[in-house]
Amino acid sequence: MNMHVNITDVMTIVMDDDGMIQIPRAILNKLGIVPGHPVMLGYNDDNEVVIFQETPEERSTRIDQAIKELAETYSTGQTTEEYMEMMRGPHEDDL
C-alpha cells in the first residue's frame, strides 16, 4: 500500500464464489459512480487496484443530460409561476 497517499474509509469486503466483489454504496457515492454508467478500473506499479473517479466536468455533463431528459418528458401544462403557486398556496399579497 502506498503510504504516501491518504487512504480513508477502509472497508473489508469478501469476494463471492464467482470472483465478484461488491463495492460498498458509501464508496460508490463518494466517487460519483451510479448504476448504468461505466466504471474505470486499473492497477498501478504497486499492483494496487485503482477505481477512476469521474471528473467534475463528466459529472456535470451527466447531471445536465439527466435534467434535460426529464424536462423533455414531463410537463405540468402550467407555467413555473402557476406551479409554484399551486405548491405554496396563494401569495400573502393576494389574500
N, C-alpha and C. Protein backbone atom coordinates (compact mmCIF):
# COMPACT_ATOMS: atom_id res chain seq x y z
N MET A 1 0.85 -1.18 0.00
CA MET A 1 0.00 0.00 0.00
C MET A 1 0.89 1.23 0.00
N ASN A 2 0.57 2.19 -0.84
CA ASN A 2 1.34 3.41 -0.93
C ASN A 2 1.05 4.27 0.30
N MET A 3 2.00 4.34 1.19
CA MET A 3 1.79 5.06 2.45
C MET A 3 1.92 6.57 2.29
N HIS A 4 2.27 7.04 1.09
CA HIS A 4 2.37 8.47 0.84
C HIS A 4 1.02 9.06 0.42
N VAL A 5 0.03 8.22 0.29
CA VAL A 5 -1.30 8.66 -0.11
C VAL A 5 -2.23 8.50 1.08
N ASN A 6 -3.05 9.51 1.34
CA ASN A 6 -4.00 9.45 2.44
C ASN A 6 -5.16 8.54 2.04
N ILE A 7 -5.35 7.45 2.74
CA ILE A 7 -6.42 6.49 2.45
C ILE A 7 -7.39 6.54 3.62
N THR A 8 -8.68 6.78 3.30
CA THR A 8 -9.69 6.88 4.35
C THR A 8 -10.81 5.89 4.08
N ASP A 9 -11.64 5.69 5.07
CA ASP A 9 -12.83 4.84 4.95
C ASP A 9 -12.50 3.44 4.42
N VAL A 10 -11.49 2.81 4.97
CA VAL A 10 -11.11 1.47 4.54
C VAL A 10 -12.16 0.48 5.00
N MET A 11 -12.60 -0.38 4.09
CA MET A 11 -13.61 -1.39 4.40
C MET A 11 -13.12 -2.74 3.89
N THR A 12 -13.47 -3.79 4.60
CA THR A 12 -13.15 -5.14 4.16
C THR A 12 -14.38 -5.75 3.49
N ILE A 13 -14.18 -6.30 2.30
CA ILE A 13 -15.26 -6.97 1.58
C ILE A 13 -14.79 -8.35 1.20
N VAL A 14 -15.72 -9.24 0.87
CA VAL A 14 -15.39 -10.63 0.56
C VAL A 14 -15.81 -10.93 -0.88
N MET A 15 -14.94 -11.59 -1.61
CA MET A 15 -15.25 -12.00 -2.97
C MET A 15 -16.16 -13.22 -2.93
N ASP A 16 -17.16 -13.25 -3.84
CA ASP A 16 -18.06 -14.40 -3.86
C ASP A 16 -17.44 -15.55 -4.68
N ASP A 17 -18.16 -16.65 -4.79
CA ASP A 17 -17.64 -17.83 -5.48
C ASP A 17 -17.41 -17.62 -6.97
N ASP A 18 -18.05 -16.58 -7.54
CA ASP A 18 -17.88 -16.28 -8.96
C ASP A 18 -16.76 -15.29 -9.21
N GLY A 19 -16.02 -14.92 -8.14
CA GLY A 19 -14.93 -13.97 -8.30
C GLY A 19 -15.38 -12.53 -8.34
N MET A 20 -16.60 -12.26 -7.88
CA MET A 20 -17.14 -10.91 -7.91
C MET A 20 -17.05 -10.29 -6.52
N ILE A 21 -16.84 -8.97 -6.51
CA ILE A 21 -16.90 -8.23 -5.25
C ILE A 21 -17.93 -7.12 -5.40
N GLN A 22 -18.50 -6.71 -4.29
CA GLN A 22 -19.44 -5.59 -4.30
C GLN A 22 -18.78 -4.42 -3.59
N ILE A 23 -18.74 -3.30 -4.28
CA ILE A 23 -18.16 -2.09 -3.70
C ILE A 23 -19.25 -1.43 -2.86
N PRO A 24 -18.95 -1.13 -1.59
CA PRO A 24 -19.96 -0.54 -0.71
C PRO A 24 -20.52 0.77 -1.26
N ARG A 25 -21.81 0.99 -1.03
CA ARG A 25 -22.52 2.17 -1.53
C ARG A 25 -21.83 3.46 -1.12
N ALA A 26 -21.31 3.53 0.10
CA ALA A 26 -20.65 4.76 0.57
C ALA A 26 -19.48 5.13 -0.34
N ILE A 27 -18.73 4.14 -0.77
CA ILE A 27 -17.60 4.41 -1.66
C ILE A 27 -18.10 4.80 -3.05
N LEU A 28 -19.11 4.10 -3.54
CA LEU A 28 -19.67 4.44 -4.85
C LEU A 28 -20.18 5.87 -4.85
N ASN A 29 -20.89 6.25 -3.80
CA ASN A 29 -21.42 7.62 -3.70
C ASN A 29 -20.29 8.64 -3.65
N LYS A 30 -19.27 8.35 -2.87
CA LYS A 30 -18.13 9.26 -2.74
C LYS A 30 -17.46 9.49 -4.09
N LEU A 31 -17.39 8.44 -4.91
CA LEU A 31 -16.74 8.54 -6.22
C LEU A 31 -17.68 9.01 -7.31
N GLY A 32 -18.97 9.12 -7.00
CA GLY A 32 -19.92 9.56 -8.02
C GLY A 32 -20.25 8.47 -9.02
N ILE A 33 -20.10 7.22 -8.62
CA ILE A 33 -20.40 6.10 -9.51
C ILE A 33 -21.87 5.74 -9.35
N VAL A 34 -22.60 5.70 -10.47
CA VAL A 34 -24.03 5.42 -10.44
C VAL A 34 -24.34 4.24 -11.36
N PRO A 35 -25.45 3.52 -11.07
CA PRO A 35 -25.82 2.38 -11.91
C PRO A 35 -25.99 2.79 -13.37
N GLY A 36 -25.57 1.90 -14.25
CA GLY A 36 -25.74 2.13 -15.68
C GLY A 36 -24.64 2.95 -16.33
N HIS A 37 -23.67 3.38 -15.55
CA HIS A 37 -22.58 4.16 -16.11
C HIS A 37 -21.27 3.37 -15.99
N PRO A 38 -20.37 3.57 -16.93
CA PRO A 38 -19.11 2.82 -16.90
C PRO A 38 -18.26 3.16 -15.69
N VAL A 39 -17.51 2.18 -15.25
CA VAL A 39 -16.56 2.34 -14.16
C VAL A 39 -15.19 1.96 -14.71
N MET A 40 -14.22 2.81 -14.49
CA MET A 40 -12.87 2.52 -14.97
C MET A 40 -12.03 1.96 -13.83
N LEU A 41 -11.43 0.80 -14.07
CA LEU A 41 -10.54 0.17 -13.10
C LEU A 41 -9.17 -0.02 -13.73
N GLY A 42 -8.17 -0.01 -12.89
CA GLY A 42 -6.82 -0.29 -13.36
C GLY A 42 -5.96 -0.66 -12.17
N TYR A 43 -4.69 -0.82 -12.40
CA TYR A 43 -3.78 -1.06 -11.29
C TYR A 43 -2.51 -0.28 -11.54
N ASN A 44 -1.86 0.09 -10.44
CA ASN A 44 -0.65 0.90 -10.53
C ASN A 44 0.60 0.02 -10.46
N ASP A 45 1.76 0.65 -10.39
CA ASP A 45 3.03 -0.09 -10.37
C ASP A 45 3.19 -0.97 -9.15
N ASP A 46 2.42 -0.69 -8.08
CA ASP A 46 2.47 -1.50 -6.86
C ASP A 46 1.39 -2.57 -6.86
N ASN A 47 0.73 -2.79 -8.02
CA ASN A 47 -0.37 -3.75 -8.16
C ASN A 47 -1.54 -3.44 -7.23
N GLU A 48 -1.77 -2.16 -6.96
CA GLU A 48 -2.93 -1.73 -6.21
C GLU A 48 -4.03 -1.39 -7.21
N VAL A 49 -5.24 -1.86 -6.92
CA VAL A 49 -6.37 -1.57 -7.81
C VAL A 49 -6.78 -0.13 -7.62
N VAL A 50 -7.06 0.52 -8.74
CA VAL A 50 -7.47 1.91 -8.73
C VAL A 50 -8.82 2.02 -9.43
N ILE A 51 -9.78 2.69 -8.78
CA ILE A 51 -11.08 2.98 -9.39
C ILE A 51 -11.03 4.44 -9.79
N PHE A 52 -11.21 4.70 -11.08
CA PHE A 52 -11.12 6.06 -11.58
C PHE A 52 -12.43 6.80 -11.35
N GLN A 53 -12.33 7.90 -10.66
CA GLN A 53 -13.49 8.74 -10.37
C GLN A 53 -13.79 9.61 -11.59
N GLU A 54 -15.06 9.84 -11.85
CA GLU A 54 -15.41 10.73 -12.94
C GLU A 54 -14.96 12.14 -12.59
N THR A 55 -14.59 12.89 -13.60
CA THR A 55 -14.15 14.27 -13.38
C THR A 55 -15.36 15.15 -13.09
N PRO A 56 -15.14 16.32 -12.48
CA PRO A 56 -16.27 17.23 -12.26
C PRO A 56 -16.99 17.58 -13.56
N GLU A 57 -16.25 17.70 -14.65
CA GLU A 57 -16.86 18.01 -15.94
C GLU A 57 -17.75 16.86 -16.41
N GLU A 58 -17.28 15.62 -16.25
CA GLU A 58 -18.07 14.46 -16.64
C GLU A 58 -19.34 14.37 -15.79
N ARG A 59 -19.20 14.62 -14.48
CA ARG A 59 -20.36 14.57 -13.59
C ARG A 59 -21.38 15.65 -13.96
N SER A 60 -20.88 16.85 -14.22
CA SER A 60 -21.76 17.95 -14.59
C SER A 60 -22.50 17.64 -15.89
N THR A 61 -21.79 17.09 -16.86
CA THR A 61 -22.40 16.73 -18.13
C THR A 61 -23.47 15.66 -17.93
N ARG A 62 -23.18 14.65 -17.10
CA ARG A 62 -24.13 13.58 -16.84
C ARG A 62 -25.39 14.12 -16.15
N ILE A 63 -25.21 14.99 -15.18
CA ILE A 63 -26.35 15.56 -14.46
C ILE A 63 -27.17 16.46 -15.39
N ASP A 64 -26.47 17.30 -16.17
CA ASP A 64 -27.18 18.18 -17.12
C ASP A 64 -28.00 17.37 -18.10
N GLN A 65 -27.44 16.26 -18.59
CA GLN A 65 -28.15 15.41 -19.54
C GLN A 65 -29.39 14.79 -18.89
N ALA A 66 -29.25 14.33 -17.64
CA ALA A 66 -30.39 13.73 -16.95
C ALA A 66 -31.50 14.76 -16.74
N ILE A 67 -31.13 15.98 -16.38
CA ILE A 67 -32.13 17.04 -16.20
C ILE A 67 -32.82 17.35 -17.52
N LYS A 68 -32.03 17.42 -18.59
CA LYS A 68 -32.60 17.71 -19.90
C LYS A 68 -33.59 16.61 -20.32
N GLU A 69 -33.22 15.35 -20.09
CA GLU A 69 -34.10 14.24 -20.44
C GLU A 69 -35.39 14.30 -19.64
N LEU A 70 -35.31 14.61 -18.36
CA LEU A 70 -36.51 14.72 -17.53
C LEU A 70 -37.38 15.90 -17.97
N ALA A 71 -36.75 17.01 -18.26
CA ALA A 71 -37.50 18.20 -18.66
C ALA A 71 -38.25 17.96 -19.97
N GLU A 72 -37.69 17.15 -20.84
CA GLU A 72 -38.33 16.88 -22.13
C GLU A 72 -39.46 15.86 -22.03
N THR A 73 -39.52 15.11 -20.95
CA THR A 73 -40.51 14.04 -20.87
C THR A 73 -41.66 14.34 -19.93
N TYR A 74 -41.56 15.39 -19.15
CA TYR A 74 -42.61 15.66 -18.17
C TYR A 74 -43.02 17.12 -18.24
N SER A 75 -44.29 17.36 -18.31
CA SER A 75 -44.80 18.73 -18.33
C SER A 75 -46.06 18.79 -17.47
N THR A 76 -46.15 19.82 -16.67
CA THR A 76 -47.34 20.01 -15.84
C THR A 76 -48.44 20.72 -16.61
N GLY A 77 -48.07 21.31 -17.75
CA GLY A 77 -49.03 22.10 -18.51
C GLY A 77 -49.24 23.47 -17.89
N GLN A 78 -48.39 23.80 -16.93
CA GLN A 78 -48.50 25.08 -16.23
C GLN A 78 -47.20 25.86 -16.39
N THR A 79 -47.30 27.18 -16.19
CA THR A 79 -46.08 27.98 -16.11
C THR A 79 -45.43 27.70 -14.76
N THR A 80 -44.18 28.11 -14.63
CA THR A 80 -43.48 27.94 -13.35
C THR A 80 -44.23 28.67 -12.24
N GLU A 81 -44.69 29.88 -12.53
CA GLU A 81 -45.42 30.66 -11.52
C GLU A 81 -46.69 29.95 -11.08
N GLU A 82 -47.45 29.39 -12.03
CA GLU A 82 -48.69 28.68 -11.69
C GLU A 82 -48.38 27.44 -10.85
N TYR A 83 -47.34 26.73 -11.22
CA TYR A 83 -46.97 25.53 -10.49
C TYR A 83 -46.53 25.88 -9.07
N MET A 84 -45.71 26.93 -8.93
CA MET A 84 -45.23 27.32 -7.60
C MET A 84 -46.38 27.80 -6.72
N GLU A 85 -47.34 28.50 -7.31
CA GLU A 85 -48.50 28.94 -6.52
C GLU A 85 -49.31 27.74 -6.05
N MET A 86 -49.44 26.75 -6.91
CA MET A 86 -50.15 25.54 -6.53
C MET A 86 -49.43 24.84 -5.37
N MET A 87 -48.10 24.81 -5.42
CA MET A 87 -47.32 24.13 -4.38
C MET A 87 -47.31 24.92 -3.07
N ARG A 88 -47.18 26.23 -3.15
CA ARG A 88 -47.05 27.07 -1.96
C ARG A 88 -48.37 27.61 -1.44
N GLY A 89 -49.36 27.68 -2.29
CA GLY A 89 -50.61 28.34 -1.93
C GLY A 89 -50.55 29.77 -2.40
N PRO A 90 -51.63 30.51 -2.26
CA PRO A 90 -51.65 31.89 -2.74
C PRO A 90 -50.62 32.75 -2.02
N HIS A 91 -50.10 33.72 -2.73
CA HIS A 91 -49.14 34.67 -2.15
C HIS A 91 -49.88 35.52 -1.13
N GLU A 92 -49.21 35.92 -0.04
CA GLU A 92 -49.86 36.69 1.03
C GLU A 92 -50.49 37.97 0.50
N ASP A 93 -49.90 38.60 -0.52
CA ASP A 93 -50.44 39.85 -1.07
C ASP A 93 -51.79 39.60 -1.75
N ASP A 94 -52.06 38.36 -2.15
CA ASP A 94 -53.31 38.04 -2.85
C ASP A 94 -54.44 37.72 -1.89
N LEU A 95 -54.15 37.61 -0.61
CA LEU A 95 -55.19 37.25 0.37
C LEU A 95 -55.99 38.43 0.84
